[in-house]
């Protein structure tokens, strides 16, 4: 039996109603992850915490003035920024000079995972 247009519209509305609380719950998880990531970044800037390299996404070619590649944590929110990777990985020397962060909304920095990066990365060799 073929459904009518009205029946299909009602079924879609019912499914959307079921989906809405799940989407809200997922959004709150993303927000919490972003907040936790931002808190950890602040700890990294004070040299009290660090990310492992596999937790970071590196820039294809952009570097900090210290020479290290720029990176950001994979769980960053859309309001996140690029940072000097040696700060994020806890390898910055006390008193060393680094660029400030580069917010996603103001800077177009190519990630190592973008197809146009052609395999380029500032990720340190292991």
N, C-alpha and C. Protein backbone atom coordinates (compact mmCIF):
# COMPACT_ATOMS: atom_id res chain seq x y z
N UNK A 1 0.83 -1.18 0.00
CA UNK A 1 0.00 0.00 0.00
C UNK A 1 0.88 1.25 0.00
N UNK A 2 0.58 2.14 -0.87
CA UNK A 2 1.34 3.37 -1.02
C UNK A 2 0.83 4.40 0.00
N UNK A 3 1.79 5.09 0.68
CA UNK A 3 1.43 6.09 1.67
C UNK A 3 1.07 7.40 0.98
N UNK A 4 0.21 8.15 1.64
CA UNK A 4 -0.14 9.46 1.11
C UNK A 4 0.91 10.48 1.53
N UNK A 5 0.86 11.59 0.87
CA UNK A 5 1.78 12.68 1.20
C UNK A 5 1.61 13.10 2.67
N UNK A 6 0.39 13.19 3.14
CA UNK A 6 0.13 13.60 4.52
C UNK A 6 0.65 12.57 5.51
N UNK A 7 0.52 11.28 5.19
CA UNK A 7 1.04 10.24 6.07
C UNK A 7 2.56 10.33 6.18
N UNK A 8 3.21 10.54 5.06
CA UNK A 8 4.67 10.67 5.06
C UNK A 8 5.12 11.90 5.84
N UNK A 9 4.43 13.01 5.67
CA UNK A 9 4.77 14.23 6.40
C UNK A 9 4.62 14.01 7.90
N UNK A 10 3.59 13.28 8.31
CA UNK A 10 3.36 13.01 9.73
C UNK A 10 4.45 12.08 10.29
N UNK A 11 4.82 11.06 9.52
CA UNK A 11 5.88 10.16 9.96
C UNK A 11 7.21 10.91 10.11
N UNK A 12 7.49 11.78 9.17
CA UNK A 12 8.72 12.59 9.23
C UNK A 12 8.69 13.48 10.46
N UNK A 13 7.56 14.13 10.73
CA UNK A 13 7.44 15.00 11.90
C UNK A 13 7.64 14.20 13.19
N UNK A 14 7.09 12.99 13.25
CA UNK A 14 7.25 12.14 14.43
C UNK A 14 8.72 11.77 14.65
N UNK A 15 9.40 11.42 13.57
CA UNK A 15 10.82 11.07 13.67
C UNK A 15 11.67 12.28 14.07
N UNK A 16 11.36 13.43 13.52
CA UNK A 16 12.09 14.64 13.88
C UNK A 16 11.91 14.97 15.36
N UNK A 17 10.73 14.71 15.87
CA UNK A 17 10.45 14.95 17.29
C UNK A 17 11.29 14.01 18.16
N UNK A 18 11.48 12.78 17.71
CA UNK A 18 12.32 11.83 18.45
C UNK A 18 13.80 12.21 18.35
N UNK A 19 14.18 12.77 17.22
CA UNK A 19 15.57 13.12 16.96
C UNK A 19 16.03 14.35 17.74
N UNK A 20 15.14 15.29 17.96
CA UNK A 20 15.50 16.57 18.59
C UNK A 20 16.21 16.42 19.94
N UNK A 21 15.69 15.62 20.90
CA UNK A 21 16.41 15.52 22.17
C UNK A 21 17.78 14.86 22.03
N UNK A 22 17.91 13.94 21.09
CA UNK A 22 19.21 13.31 20.85
C UNK A 22 20.21 14.31 20.30
N UNK A 23 19.75 15.17 19.40
CA UNK A 23 20.63 16.20 18.84
C UNK A 23 21.06 17.19 19.93
N UNK A 24 20.15 17.54 20.82
CA UNK A 24 20.49 18.46 21.92
C UNK A 24 21.51 17.82 22.86
N UNK A 25 21.32 16.54 23.15
CA UNK A 25 22.26 15.84 24.02
C UNK A 25 23.65 15.77 23.39
N UNK A 26 23.69 15.47 22.10
CA UNK A 26 24.97 15.42 21.39
C UNK A 26 25.63 16.80 21.37
N UNK A 27 24.85 17.83 21.16
CA UNK A 27 25.39 19.19 21.16
C UNK A 27 25.99 19.54 22.52
N UNK A 28 25.34 19.13 23.59
CA UNK A 28 25.89 19.43 24.91
C UNK A 28 27.19 18.66 25.15
N UNK A 29 27.31 17.46 24.59
CA UNK A 29 28.56 16.71 24.69
C UNK A 29 29.67 17.45 23.95
N UNK A 30 29.38 17.92 22.73
CA UNK A 30 30.37 18.69 21.96
C UNK A 30 30.80 19.95 22.72
N UNK A 31 29.84 20.64 23.33
CA UNK A 31 30.15 21.86 24.08
C UNK A 31 31.04 21.54 25.28
N UNK A 32 30.75 20.47 25.99
CA UNK A 32 31.56 20.08 27.15
C UNK A 32 32.98 19.71 26.71
N UNK A 33 33.10 18.97 25.59
CA UNK A 33 34.42 18.63 25.07
C UNK A 33 35.20 19.89 24.72
N UNK A 34 34.54 20.85 24.07
CA UNK A 34 35.19 22.10 23.71
C UNK A 34 35.66 22.87 24.94
N UNK A 35 34.82 22.92 25.97
CA UNK A 35 35.18 23.62 27.21
C UNK A 35 36.35 22.93 27.90
N UNK A 36 36.32 21.60 27.95
CA UNK A 36 37.43 20.85 28.56
C UNK A 36 38.72 21.06 27.79
N UNK A 37 38.62 21.09 26.47
CA UNK A 37 39.80 21.31 25.63
C UNK A 37 40.37 22.71 25.87
N UNK A 38 39.51 23.70 25.94
CA UNK A 38 39.97 25.07 26.19
C UNK A 38 40.64 25.18 27.56
N UNK A 39 40.09 24.50 28.56
CA UNK A 39 40.70 24.51 29.90
C UNK A 39 42.08 23.86 29.86
N UNK A 40 42.21 22.76 29.12
CA UNK A 40 43.51 22.09 29.03
C UNK A 40 44.51 22.96 28.28
N UNK A 41 44.07 23.69 27.26
CA UNK A 41 44.97 24.61 26.54
C UNK A 41 45.51 25.65 27.51
N UNK A 42 44.66 26.21 28.34
CA UNK A 42 45.11 27.21 29.33
C UNK A 42 46.16 26.60 30.26
N UNK A 43 45.97 25.34 30.64
CA UNK A 43 46.96 24.66 31.48
C UNK A 43 48.28 24.47 30.71
N UNK A 44 48.18 24.17 29.43
CA UNK A 44 49.39 24.03 28.60
C UNK A 44 50.15 25.35 28.52
N UNK A 45 49.42 26.44 28.40
CA UNK A 45 50.07 27.75 28.32
C UNK A 45 50.79 28.09 29.62
N UNK A 46 50.36 27.50 30.73
CA UNK A 46 51.03 27.71 32.02
C UNK A 46 52.03 26.59 32.32
N UNK A 47 52.24 25.72 31.31
CA UNK A 47 53.18 24.60 31.42
C UNK A 47 52.79 23.62 32.52
N UNK A 48 51.48 23.42 32.70
CA UNK A 48 50.99 22.50 33.73
C UNK A 48 50.30 21.27 33.15
N UNK A 49 50.20 21.18 31.84
CA UNK A 49 49.55 20.05 31.19
C UNK A 49 50.08 19.98 29.77
N UNK A 50 49.73 18.91 29.06
CA UNK A 50 50.17 18.80 27.67
C UNK A 50 49.27 17.82 26.92
N UNK A 51 49.26 17.99 25.61
CA UNK A 51 48.57 17.08 24.70
C UNK A 51 49.61 16.15 24.09
N UNK A 52 49.19 14.95 23.72
CA UNK A 52 50.08 14.08 22.96
C UNK A 52 49.94 14.47 21.48
N UNK A 53 50.96 14.24 20.68
CA UNK A 53 50.88 14.61 19.26
C UNK A 53 49.68 13.99 18.53
N UNK A 54 49.25 12.78 18.93
CA UNK A 54 48.11 12.17 18.25
C UNK A 54 46.78 12.82 18.63
N UNK A 55 46.77 13.67 19.66
CA UNK A 55 45.56 14.42 20.02
C UNK A 55 45.46 15.73 19.24
N UNK A 56 46.48 16.03 18.45
CA UNK A 56 46.54 17.32 17.75
C UNK A 56 46.42 17.15 16.25
N UNK A 57 45.91 18.19 15.63
CA UNK A 57 45.91 18.30 14.17
C UNK A 57 46.89 19.43 13.84
N UNK A 58 47.87 19.11 13.02
CA UNK A 58 48.93 20.06 12.70
C UNK A 58 48.63 20.82 11.41
N UNK A 59 49.25 21.99 11.30
CA UNK A 59 49.14 22.78 10.08
C UNK A 59 50.00 22.13 9.00
N UNK A 60 49.63 22.36 7.76
CA UNK A 60 50.41 21.83 6.64
C UNK A 60 51.75 22.55 6.54
N UNK A 61 51.74 23.89 6.61
CA UNK A 61 52.98 24.65 6.43
C UNK A 61 53.16 25.79 7.43
N UNK A 62 52.12 26.24 8.10
CA UNK A 62 52.21 27.41 8.98
C UNK A 62 52.95 27.08 10.27
N UNK A 63 53.84 27.98 10.64
CA UNK A 63 54.68 27.77 11.82
C UNK A 63 54.65 28.98 12.75
N UNK A 64 54.96 28.71 14.00
CA UNK A 64 55.13 29.75 15.02
C UNK A 64 56.47 30.44 14.75
N UNK A 65 56.65 31.62 15.33
CA UNK A 65 57.93 32.31 15.14
C UNK A 65 59.10 31.55 15.77
N UNK A 66 58.82 30.58 16.65
CA UNK A 66 59.89 29.77 17.22
C UNK A 66 60.34 28.66 16.26
N UNK A 67 59.58 28.46 15.17
CA UNK A 67 59.92 27.44 14.17
C UNK A 67 59.07 26.18 14.25
N UNK A 68 58.37 25.98 15.35
CA UNK A 68 57.52 24.79 15.50
C UNK A 68 56.23 24.99 14.69
N UNK A 69 55.65 23.89 14.28
CA UNK A 69 54.39 23.95 13.53
C UNK A 69 53.24 24.39 14.41
N UNK A 70 52.23 24.96 13.77
CA UNK A 70 51.01 25.30 14.48
C UNK A 70 50.14 24.06 14.56
N UNK A 71 49.30 23.99 15.59
CA UNK A 71 48.42 22.83 15.78
C UNK A 71 47.22 23.26 16.60
N UNK A 72 46.21 22.38 16.61
CA UNK A 72 45.08 22.57 17.52
C UNK A 72 44.59 21.20 17.96
N UNK A 73 44.01 21.12 19.16
CA UNK A 73 43.48 19.85 19.63
C UNK A 73 42.28 19.41 18.79
N UNK A 74 42.18 18.11 18.52
CA UNK A 74 41.12 17.58 17.68
C UNK A 74 39.73 17.84 18.26
N UNK A 75 39.59 17.97 19.58
CA UNK A 75 38.28 18.23 20.19
C UNK A 75 37.98 19.71 20.34
N UNK A 76 38.69 20.56 19.63
CA UNK A 76 38.44 22.00 19.71
C UNK A 76 37.05 22.33 19.17
N UNK A 77 36.48 23.37 19.72
CA UNK A 77 35.19 23.83 19.23
C UNK A 77 35.41 24.67 17.98
N UNK A 78 34.35 24.98 17.24
CA UNK A 78 34.49 25.87 16.08
C UNK A 78 35.03 27.25 16.45
N UNK A 79 34.98 27.60 17.73
CA UNK A 79 35.52 28.88 18.20
C UNK A 79 36.99 28.74 18.61
N UNK A 80 37.61 27.62 18.29
CA UNK A 80 38.98 27.35 18.70
C UNK A 80 40.01 28.14 17.92
N UNK A 81 41.26 27.79 18.16
CA UNK A 81 42.39 28.51 17.55
C UNK A 81 43.53 27.55 17.27
N UNK A 82 44.44 28.03 16.42
CA UNK A 82 45.71 27.36 16.18
C UNK A 82 46.69 27.89 17.22
N UNK A 83 47.57 27.01 17.71
CA UNK A 83 48.57 27.37 18.72
C UNK A 83 49.92 26.80 18.31
N UNK A 84 50.96 27.29 18.93
CA UNK A 84 52.29 26.72 18.74
C UNK A 84 52.26 25.29 19.30
N UNK A 85 52.69 24.33 18.50
CA UNK A 85 52.60 22.93 18.92
C UNK A 85 53.52 22.60 20.10
N UNK A 86 54.65 23.29 20.24
CA UNK A 86 55.51 22.97 21.38
C UNK A 86 54.89 23.42 22.70
N UNK A 87 54.03 24.42 22.66
CA UNK A 87 53.29 24.82 23.87
C UNK A 87 52.26 23.74 24.19
N UNK A 88 51.53 23.29 23.17
CA UNK A 88 50.49 22.29 23.40
C UNK A 88 51.05 20.93 23.83
N UNK A 89 52.26 20.60 23.39
CA UNK A 89 52.85 19.31 23.74
C UNK A 89 53.78 19.40 24.96
N UNK A 90 53.83 20.56 25.60
CA UNK A 90 54.63 20.71 26.81
C UNK A 90 56.12 20.73 26.59
N UNK A 91 56.57 21.07 25.39
CA UNK A 91 58.00 21.08 25.07
C UNK A 91 58.59 22.47 24.99
N UNK A 92 57.79 23.49 25.25
CA UNK A 92 58.29 24.87 25.17
C UNK A 92 59.26 25.13 26.32
N UNK A 93 60.34 25.78 26.02
CA UNK A 93 61.30 26.14 27.06
C UNK A 93 60.82 27.39 27.77
N UNK A 94 61.04 27.44 29.07
CA UNK A 94 60.64 28.64 29.84
C UNK A 94 61.33 29.86 29.26
N UNK A 95 60.55 30.93 29.08
CA UNK A 95 61.09 32.17 28.57
C UNK A 95 61.20 32.24 27.06
N UNK A 96 60.87 31.16 26.37
CA UNK A 96 60.95 31.20 24.90
C UNK A 96 59.80 32.04 24.34
N UNK A 97 60.01 32.56 23.15
CA UNK A 97 59.04 33.47 22.54
C UNK A 97 58.22 32.73 21.47
N UNK A 98 56.89 32.92 21.52
CA UNK A 98 55.97 32.25 20.60
C UNK A 98 54.90 33.22 20.12
N UNK A 99 54.32 32.91 18.98
CA UNK A 99 53.18 33.68 18.50
C UNK A 99 51.99 33.44 19.42
N UNK A 100 51.10 34.41 19.46
CA UNK A 100 49.84 34.18 20.17
C UNK A 100 48.97 33.28 19.30
N UNK A 101 47.82 32.92 19.79
CA UNK A 101 46.94 32.01 19.06
C UNK A 101 46.39 32.66 17.79
N UNK A 102 45.94 31.81 16.87
CA UNK A 102 45.35 32.24 15.61
C UNK A 102 43.92 31.69 15.54
N UNK A 103 42.91 32.48 15.94
CA UNK A 103 41.53 31.99 15.96
C UNK A 103 41.04 31.53 14.58
N UNK A 104 40.31 30.43 14.57
CA UNK A 104 39.77 29.87 13.33
C UNK A 104 38.97 30.90 12.54
N UNK A 105 38.23 31.75 13.26
CA UNK A 105 37.35 32.70 12.58
C UNK A 105 38.10 33.81 11.85
N UNK A 106 39.36 34.03 12.19
CA UNK A 106 40.10 35.12 11.58
C UNK A 106 41.25 34.68 10.68
N UNK A 107 41.66 33.42 10.79
CA UNK A 107 42.82 32.95 10.02
C UNK A 107 42.47 31.70 9.23
N UNK A 108 42.92 31.66 7.99
CA UNK A 108 42.75 30.48 7.15
C UNK A 108 44.09 29.76 7.08
N UNK A 109 44.25 28.80 7.96
CA UNK A 109 45.48 28.02 8.01
C UNK A 109 45.15 26.62 7.53
N UNK A 110 45.94 26.15 6.59
CA UNK A 110 45.67 24.84 5.99
C UNK A 110 46.12 23.72 6.92
N UNK A 111 45.23 22.78 7.16
CA UNK A 111 45.51 21.62 7.99
C UNK A 111 46.27 20.57 7.19
N UNK A 112 47.03 19.75 7.89
CA UNK A 112 47.76 18.65 7.25
C UNK A 112 46.82 17.65 6.58
N UNK A 113 45.56 17.62 7.00
CA UNK A 113 44.60 16.64 6.47
C UNK A 113 43.78 17.15 5.29
N UNK A 114 43.97 18.40 4.90
CA UNK A 114 43.24 18.90 3.74
C UNK A 114 43.88 18.32 2.47
N UNK A 115 43.06 17.90 1.53
CA UNK A 115 43.62 17.33 0.30
C UNK A 115 44.62 18.25 -0.40
N UNK A 116 44.38 19.55 -0.35
CA UNK A 116 45.28 20.49 -1.03
C UNK A 116 46.63 20.64 -0.31
N UNK A 117 46.78 20.04 0.87
CA UNK A 117 48.07 20.08 1.57
C UNK A 117 49.08 19.17 0.88
N UNK A 118 48.59 18.24 0.03
CA UNK A 118 49.48 17.35 -0.72
C UNK A 118 50.50 16.63 0.18
N UNK A 119 50.05 16.22 1.36
CA UNK A 119 50.94 15.48 2.27
C UNK A 119 51.85 16.32 3.12
N UNK A 120 51.81 17.64 2.96
CA UNK A 120 52.68 18.50 3.76
C UNK A 120 52.17 18.53 5.20
N UNK A 121 53.10 18.59 6.14
CA UNK A 121 52.74 18.71 7.55
C UNK A 121 53.89 19.34 8.32
N UNK A 122 53.54 20.03 9.38
CA UNK A 122 54.54 20.58 10.29
C UNK A 122 54.69 19.65 11.51
N UNK A 123 54.02 18.50 11.46
CA UNK A 123 54.11 17.51 12.54
C UNK A 123 55.58 17.05 12.65
N UNK A 124 56.13 17.04 13.88
CA UNK A 124 57.52 16.59 14.01
C UNK A 124 57.67 15.12 13.61
N UNK A 125 58.81 14.80 13.08
CA UNK A 125 59.12 13.40 12.73
C UNK A 125 59.31 12.64 14.04
N UNK A 126 58.76 11.46 14.09
CA UNK A 126 58.88 10.66 15.34
C UNK A 126 60.09 9.78 15.32
